[in-house]
PDB file of N, CA and C in Angstrom:
ATOM      1  N   UNK A   1      10.714  -1.361   2.936  1.00  0.00           N
ATOM      2  CA  UNK A   1      11.746  -1.765   3.725  1.00  0.00           C
ATOM      3  C   UNK A   1      11.285  -2.490   4.954  1.00  0.00           C
ATOM      4  N   UNK A   2      11.908  -3.639   5.357  1.00  0.00           N
ATOM      5  CA  UNK A   2      11.472  -4.238   6.415  1.00  0.00           C
ATOM      6  C   UNK A   2      12.583  -4.445   7.543  1.00  0.00           C
ATOM      7  N   UNK A   3      12.068  -4.284   8.809  1.00  0.00           N
ATOM      8  CA  UNK A   3      13.102  -4.617   9.811  1.00  0.00           C
ATOM      9  C   UNK A   3      12.563  -5.782  10.690  1.00  0.00           C
ATOM     10  N   UNK A   4      13.479  -6.689  10.803  1.00  0.00           N
ATOM     11  CA  UNK A   4      13.202  -7.994  11.410  1.00  0.00           C
ATOM     12  C   UNK A   4      13.416  -8.082  12.931  1.00  0.00           C
ATOM     13  N   UNK A   5      12.715  -8.982  13.607  1.00  0.00           N
ATOM     14  CA  UNK A   5      12.953  -9.236  15.007  1.00  0.00           C
ATOM     15  C   UNK A   5      13.878 -10.576  14.990  1.00  0.00           C
ATOM     16  N   UNK A   6      14.509 -10.864  15.993  1.00  0.00           N
ATOM     17  CA  UNK A   6      15.372 -11.949  16.282  1.00  0.00           C
ATOM     18  C   UNK A   6      14.912 -13.280  15.563  1.00  0.00           C
ATOM     19  N   UNK A   7      13.467 -13.481  15.782  1.00  0.00           N
ATOM     20  CA  UNK A   7      12.878 -14.688  15.271  1.00  0.00           C
ATOM     21  C   UNK A   7      12.586 -14.623  13.914  1.00  0.00           C
ATOM     22  N   UNK A   8      13.045 -13.559  13.123  1.00  0.00           N
ATOM     23  CA  UNK A   8      12.692 -13.503  11.707  1.00  0.00           C
ATOM     24  C   UNK A   8      11.363 -13.040  11.430  1.00  0.00           C
ATOM     25  N   UNK A   9      10.528 -12.630  12.269  1.00  0.00           N
ATOM     26  CA  UNK A   9       9.110 -12.043  12.007  1.00  0.00           C
ATOM     27  C   UNK A   9       9.355 -10.583  11.781  1.00  0.00           C
ATOM     28  N   UNK A  10       8.397 -10.079  10.896  1.00  0.00           N
ATOM     29  CA  UNK A  10       8.636  -8.625  10.650  1.00  0.00           C
ATOM     30  C   UNK A  10       8.228  -7.827  11.719  1.00  0.00           C
ATOM     31  N   UNK A  11       9.122  -7.000  12.213  1.00  0.00           N
ATOM     32  CA  UNK A  11       8.852  -6.114  13.246  1.00  0.00           C
ATOM     33  C   UNK A  11       8.409  -4.883  12.919  1.00  0.00           C
ATOM     34  N   UNK A  12       8.789  -4.261  11.766  1.00  0.00           N
ATOM     35  CA  UNK A  12       8.332  -3.022  11.209  1.00  0.00           C
ATOM     36  C   UNK A  12       8.535  -2.876   9.693  1.00  0.00           C
ATOM     37  N   UNK A  13       7.524  -2.428   9.096  1.00  0.00           N
ATOM     38  CA  UNK A  13       7.561  -2.260   7.611  1.00  0.00           C
ATOM     39  C   UNK A  13       7.543  -0.794   7.253  1.00  0.00           C
ATOM     40  N   UNK A  14       8.594  -0.240   6.769  1.00  0.00           N
ATOM     41  CA  UNK A  14       8.699   1.193   6.552  1.00  0.00           C
ATOM     42  C   UNK A  14       8.305   1.559   5.130  1.00  0.00           C
ATOM     43  N   UNK A  15       7.295   2.340   4.970  1.00  0.00           N
ATOM     44  CA  UNK A  15       6.767   2.623   3.584  1.00  0.00           C
ATOM     45  C   UNK A  15       7.375   4.036   2.962  1.00  0.00           C
ATOM     46  N   UNK A  16       7.810   4.966   3.968  1.00  0.00           N
ATOM     47  CA  UNK A  16       8.274   6.238   3.372  1.00  0.00           C
ATOM     48  C   UNK A  16       9.163   6.780   4.547  1.00  0.00           C
ATOM     49  N   UNK A  17      10.268   7.489   3.851  1.00  0.00           N
ATOM     50  CA  UNK A  17      11.015   8.346   4.625  1.00  0.00           C
ATOM     51  C   UNK A  17      11.142   9.771   4.072  1.00  0.00           C
ATOM     52  N   UNK A  18      10.637  10.692   4.776  1.00  0.00           N
ATOM     53  CA  UNK A  18      10.486  12.039   4.151  1.00  0.00           C
ATOM     54  C   UNK A  18      11.199  13.055   5.033  1.00  0.00           C
ATOM     55  N   UNK A  19      11.349  14.211   4.463  1.00  0.00           N
ATOM     56  CA  UNK A  19      11.840  15.438   5.138  1.00  0.00           C
ATOM     57  C   UNK A  19      10.683  16.380   5.541  1.00  0.00           C
ATOM     58  N   UNK A  20      10.695  16.841   6.695  1.00  0.00           N
ATOM     59  CA  UNK A  20       9.772  17.723   7.305  1.00  0.00           C
ATOM     60  C   UNK A  20      10.566  18.824   7.960  1.00  0.00           C
ATOM     61  N   UNK A  21      10.812  19.882   7.422  1.00  0.00           N
ATOM     62  CA  UNK A  21      11.696  21.041   8.035  1.00  0.00           C
ATOM     63  C   UNK A  21      13.051  20.449   8.193  1.00  0.00           C
ATOM     64  N   UNK A  22      13.619  20.416   9.379  1.00  0.00           N
ATOM     65  CA  UNK A  22      14.917  19.956   9.724  1.00  0.00           C
ATOM     66  C   UNK A  22      14.846  18.372  10.261  1.00  0.00           C
ATOM     67  N   UNK A  23      13.752  17.857  10.185  1.00  0.00           N
ATOM     68  CA  UNK A  23      13.515  16.439  10.764  1.00  0.00           C
ATOM     69  C   UNK A  23      13.319  15.400   9.595  1.00  0.00           C
ATOM     70  N   UNK A  24      13.725  14.199   9.843  1.00  0.00           N
ATOM     71  CA  UNK A  24      13.282  12.947   9.026  1.00  0.00           C
ATOM     72  C   UNK A  24      12.020  12.395   9.586  1.00  0.00           C
ATOM     73  N   UNK A  25      10.999  12.159   8.736  1.00  0.00           N
ATOM     74  CA  UNK A  25       9.823  11.496   9.159  1.00  0.00           C
ATOM     75  C   UNK A  25       9.788  10.155   8.573  1.00  0.00           C
ATOM     76  N   UNK A  26       9.543   9.190   9.421  1.00  0.00           N
ATOM     77  CA  UNK A  26       9.533   7.699   8.968  1.00  0.00           C
ATOM     78  C   UNK A  26       8.143   7.331   9.161  1.00  0.00           C
ATOM     79  N   UNK A  27       7.501   6.738   7.950  1.00  0.00           N
ATOM     80  CA  UNK A  27       6.190   6.327   8.086  1.00  0.00           C
ATOM     81  C   UNK A  27       6.234   4.733   7.882  1.00  0.00           C
ATOM     82  N   UNK A  28       5.413   4.201   8.633  1.00  0.00           N
ATOM     83  CA  UNK A  28       5.187   2.720   8.206  1.00  0.00           C
ATOM     84  C   UNK A  28       4.209   2.119   9.264  1.00  0.00           C
ATOM     85  N   UNK A  29       4.369   0.637   9.510  1.00  0.00           N
ATOM     86  CA  UNK A  29       3.532  -0.077  10.217  1.00  0.00           C
ATOM     87  C   UNK A  29       4.335  -0.890  11.162  1.00  0.00           C
ATOM     88  N   UNK A  30       3.892  -0.943  12.332  1.00  0.00           N
ATOM     89  CA  UNK A  30       4.612  -1.758  13.468  1.00  0.00           C
ATOM     90  C   UNK A  30       3.868  -3.044  13.574  1.00  0.00           C
ATOM     91  N   UNK A  31       4.438  -4.224  13.737  1.00  0.00           N
ATOM     92  CA  UNK A  31       3.885  -5.604  13.685  1.00  0.00           C
ATOM     93  C   UNK A  31       2.890  -5.912  12.696  1.00  0.00           C
ATOM     94  N   UNK A  32       3.003  -5.153  11.503  1.00  0.00           N
ATOM     95  CA  UNK A  32       2.028  -5.388  10.489  1.00  0.00           C
ATOM     96  C   UNK A  32       0.753  -4.917  10.541  1.00  0.00           C
ATOM     97  N   UNK A  33       0.360  -4.167  11.769  1.00  0.00           N
ATOM     98  CA  UNK A  33      -0.911  -3.565  11.952  1.00  0.00           C
ATOM     99  C   UNK A  33      -1.029  -2.147  12.346  1.00  0.00           C
ATOM    100  N   UNK A  34      -0.300  -1.746  13.193  1.00  0.00           N
ATOM    101  CA  UNK A  34      -0.167  -0.469  13.904  1.00  0.00           C
ATOM    102  C   UNK A  34       0.444   0.596  13.139  1.00  0.00           C
ATOM    103  N   UNK A  35      -0.328   1.480  12.483  1.00  0.00           N
ATOM    104  CA  UNK A  35       0.429   2.668  11.819  1.00  0.00           C
ATOM    105  C   UNK A  35       1.296   3.478  12.664  1.00  0.00           C
ATOM    106  N   UNK A  36       2.440   3.958  12.081  1.00  0.00           N
ATOM    107  CA  UNK A  36       3.397   4.625  12.922  1.00  0.00           C
ATOM    108  C   UNK A  36       3.969   5.725  12.190  1.00  0.00           C
ATOM    109  N   UNK A  37       4.114   6.951  12.804  1.00  0.00           N
ATOM    110  CA  UNK A  37       4.915   8.004  12.290  1.00  0.00           C
ATOM    111  C   UNK A  37       5.981   8.457  13.301  1.00  0.00           C
ATOM    112  N   UNK A  38       7.238   8.378  12.976  1.00  0.00           N
ATOM    113  CA  UNK A  38       8.328   8.648  13.780  1.00  0.00           C
ATOM    114  C   UNK A  38       9.070   9.710  13.289  1.00  0.00           C
ATOM    115  N   UNK A  39       9.596  10.741  14.224  1.00  0.00           N
ATOM    116  CA  UNK A  39      10.462  11.912  13.757  1.00  0.00           C
ATOM    117  C   UNK A  39      11.866  11.732  14.231  1.00  0.00           C
ATOM    118  N   UNK A  40      12.738  12.002  13.457  1.00  0.00           N
ATOM    119  CA  UNK A  40      14.209  11.967  13.947  1.00  0.00           C
ATOM    120  C   UNK A  40      14.778  13.297  13.724  1.00  0.00           C
ATOM    121  N   UNK A  41      15.047  13.887  15.013  1.00  0.00           N
ATOM    122  CA  UNK A  41      15.674  15.256  15.084  1.00  0.00           C
ATOM    123  C   UNK A  41      17.240  15.244  14.705  1.00  0.00           C
ATOM    124  N   UNK A  42      17.737  16.294  14.311  1.00  0.00           N
ATOM    125  CA  UNK A  42      19.233  16.390  14.041  1.00  0.00           C
ATOM    126  C   UNK A  42      19.999  15.972  15.284  1.00  0.00           C
ATOM    127  N   UNK A  43      19.590  16.470  16.488  1.00  0.00           N
ATOM    128  CA  UNK A  43      20.440  16.171  17.662  1.00  0.00           C
ATOM    129  C   UNK A  43      20.470  14.662  17.924  1.00  0.00           C
ATOM    130  N   UNK A  44      19.352  13.963  17.688  1.00  0.00           N
ATOM    131  CA  UNK A  44      19.329  12.644  17.968  1.00  0.00           C
ATOM    132  C   UNK A  44      20.050  11.861  16.922  1.00  0.00           C
ATOM    133  N   UNK A  45      20.084  12.270  15.624  1.00  0.00           N
ATOM    134  CA  UNK A  45      21.020  11.656  14.635  1.00  0.00           C
ATOM    135  C   UNK A  45      22.318  11.710  15.059  1.00  0.00           C
ATOM    136  N   UNK A  46      22.770  12.940  15.572  1.00  0.00           N
ATOM    137  CA  UNK A  46      24.167  12.959  15.864  1.00  0.00           C
ATOM    138  C   UNK A  46      24.515  12.055  17.091  1.00  0.00           C
ATOM    139  N   UNK A  47      23.481  11.828  18.019  1.00  0.00           N
ATOM    140  CA  UNK A  47      23.809  10.847  18.940  1.00  0.00           C
ATOM    141  C   UNK A  47      23.933   9.596  18.539  1.00  0.00           C
ATOM    142  N   UNK A  48      23.050   9.214  17.411  1.00  0.00           N
ATOM    143  CA  UNK A  48      23.200   7.949  16.710  1.00  0.00           C
ATOM    144  C   UNK A  48      24.528   7.648  16.113  1.00  0.00           C
ATOM    145  N   UNK A  49      25.150   8.729  15.531  1.00  0.00           N
ATOM    146  CA  UNK A  49      26.459   8.562  14.914  1.00  0.00           C
ATOM    147  C   UNK A  49      27.494   8.257  15.989  1.00  0.00           C
ATOM    148  N   UNK A  50      27.344   8.699  17.100  1.00  0.00           N
ATOM    149  CA  UNK A  50      28.297   8.445  18.213  1.00  0.00           C
ATOM    150  C   UNK A  50      28.333   6.807  18.609  1.00  0.00           C
ATOM    151  N   UNK A  51      27.229   6.230  18.143  1.00  0.00           N
ATOM    152  CA  UNK A  51      27.115   4.861  18.527  1.00  0.00           C
ATOM    153  C   UNK A  51      27.868   3.874  17.503  1.00  0.00           C
ATOM    154  N   UNK A  52      28.283   4.538  16.447  1.00  0.00           N
ATOM    155  CA  UNK A  52      29.168   3.856  15.233  1.00  0.00           C
ATOM    156  C   UNK A  52      30.584   3.760  15.832  1.00  0.00           C
ATOM    157  N   UNK A  53      31.104   2.612  15.840  1.00  0.00           N
ATOM    158  CA  UNK A  53      32.655   2.497  15.894  1.00  0.00           C
ATOM    159  C   UNK A  53      33.282   2.518  14.603  1.00  0.00           C
ATOM    160  N   UNK A  54      34.636   2.349  14.570  1.00  0.00           N
ATOM    161  CA  UNK A  54      35.387   2.358  13.426  1.00  0.00           C
ATOM    162  C   UNK A  54      35.015   1.024  12.494  1.00  0.00           C
ATOM    163  N   UNK A  55      34.957  -0.116  13.102  1.00  0.00           N
ATOM    164  CA  UNK A  55      34.703  -1.301  12.435  1.00  0.00           C
ATOM    165  C   UNK A  55      33.222  -1.247  11.857  1.00  0.00           C
ATOM    166  N   UNK A  56      32.341  -0.794  12.605  1.00  0.00           N
ATOM    167  CA  UNK A  56      30.918  -0.840  12.176  1.00  0.00           C
ATOM    168  C   UNK A  56      30.759   0.192  10.958  1.00  0.00           C
ATOM    169  N   UNK A  57      31.605   1.302  11.039  1.00  0.00           N
ATOM    170  CA  UNK A  57      31.520   2.298   9.966  1.00  0.00           C
ATOM    171  C   UNK A  57      32.022   1.649   8.631  1.00  0.00           C
ATOM    172  N   UNK A  58      33.013   0.960   8.799  1.00  0.00           N
ATOM    173  CA  UNK A  58      33.560   0.134   7.612  1.00  0.00           C
ATOM    174  C   UNK A  58      32.705  -0.908   7.007  1.00  0.00           C
ATOM    175  N   UNK A  59      31.968  -1.639   8.019  1.00  0.00           N
ATOM    176  CA  UNK A  59      31.043  -2.557   7.469  1.00  0.00           C
ATOM    177  C   UNK A  59      29.913  -1.694   6.774  1.00  0.00           C
ATOM    178  N   UNK A  60      29.355  -0.606   7.371  1.00  0.00           N
ATOM    179  CA  UNK A  60      28.168   0.024   6.672  1.00  0.00           C
ATOM    180  C   UNK A  60      28.591   0.524   5.207  1.00  0.00           C
ATOM    181  N   UNK A  61      29.923   0.790   4.959  1.00  0.00           N
ATOM    182  CA  UNK A  61      30.335   1.202   3.507  1.00  0.00           C
ATOM    183  C   UNK A  61      30.027   0.030   2.551  1.00  0.00           C
ATOM    184  N   UNK A  62      30.095  -1.082   2.983  1.00  0.00           N
ATOM    185  CA  UNK A  62      29.866  -2.334   2.101  1.00  0.00           C
ATOM    186  C   UNK A  62      28.671  -3.074   2.353  1.00  0.00           C
ATOM    187  N   UNK A  63      27.805  -2.476   3.259  1.00  0.00           N
ATOM    188  CA  UNK A  63      26.501  -3.135   3.553  1.00  0.00           C
ATOM    189  C   UNK A  63      25.495  -3.336   2.495  1.00  0.00           C
ATOM    190  N   UNK A  64      25.197  -2.341   1.672  1.00  0.00           N
ATOM    191  CA  UNK A  64      24.411  -2.517   0.409  1.00  0.00           C
ATOM    192  C   UNK A  64      24.896  -3.541  -0.590  1.00  0.00           C
ATOM    193  N   UNK A  65      26.168  -3.934  -0.723  1.00  0.00           N
ATOM    194  CA  UNK A  65      26.772  -4.716  -1.612  1.00  0.00           C
ATOM    195  C   UNK A  65      26.795  -6.213  -1.220  1.00  0.00           C
ATOM    196  N   UNK A  66      26.401  -6.341   0.059  1.00  0.00           N
ATOM    197  CA  UNK A  66      26.065  -7.713   0.503  1.00  0.00           C
ATOM    198  C   UNK A  66      24.934  -8.441   0.179  1.00  0.00           C
ATOM    199  N   UNK A  67      24.982  -9.862   0.275  1.00  0.00           N
ATOM    200  CA  UNK A  67      23.756 -10.513   0.003  1.00  0.00           C
ATOM    201  C   UNK A  67      23.219 -10.918   1.217  1.00  0.00           C
TER     202      UNK A  67
END
């Protein structure tokens, strides 16, 4: 999976998302060269859910079906 910058360059390429205890571990490369391992804790995921509004939540339900 790739995340893109506003200029359509590859910002981050995610190679794996794994569970380690109660955390999610995201492995990949930043800017195509720097290896990165990031951890997402449950409390931070809950904070992220608060960023979603009603309209964005509806959009996310159909996001994978869009082209």
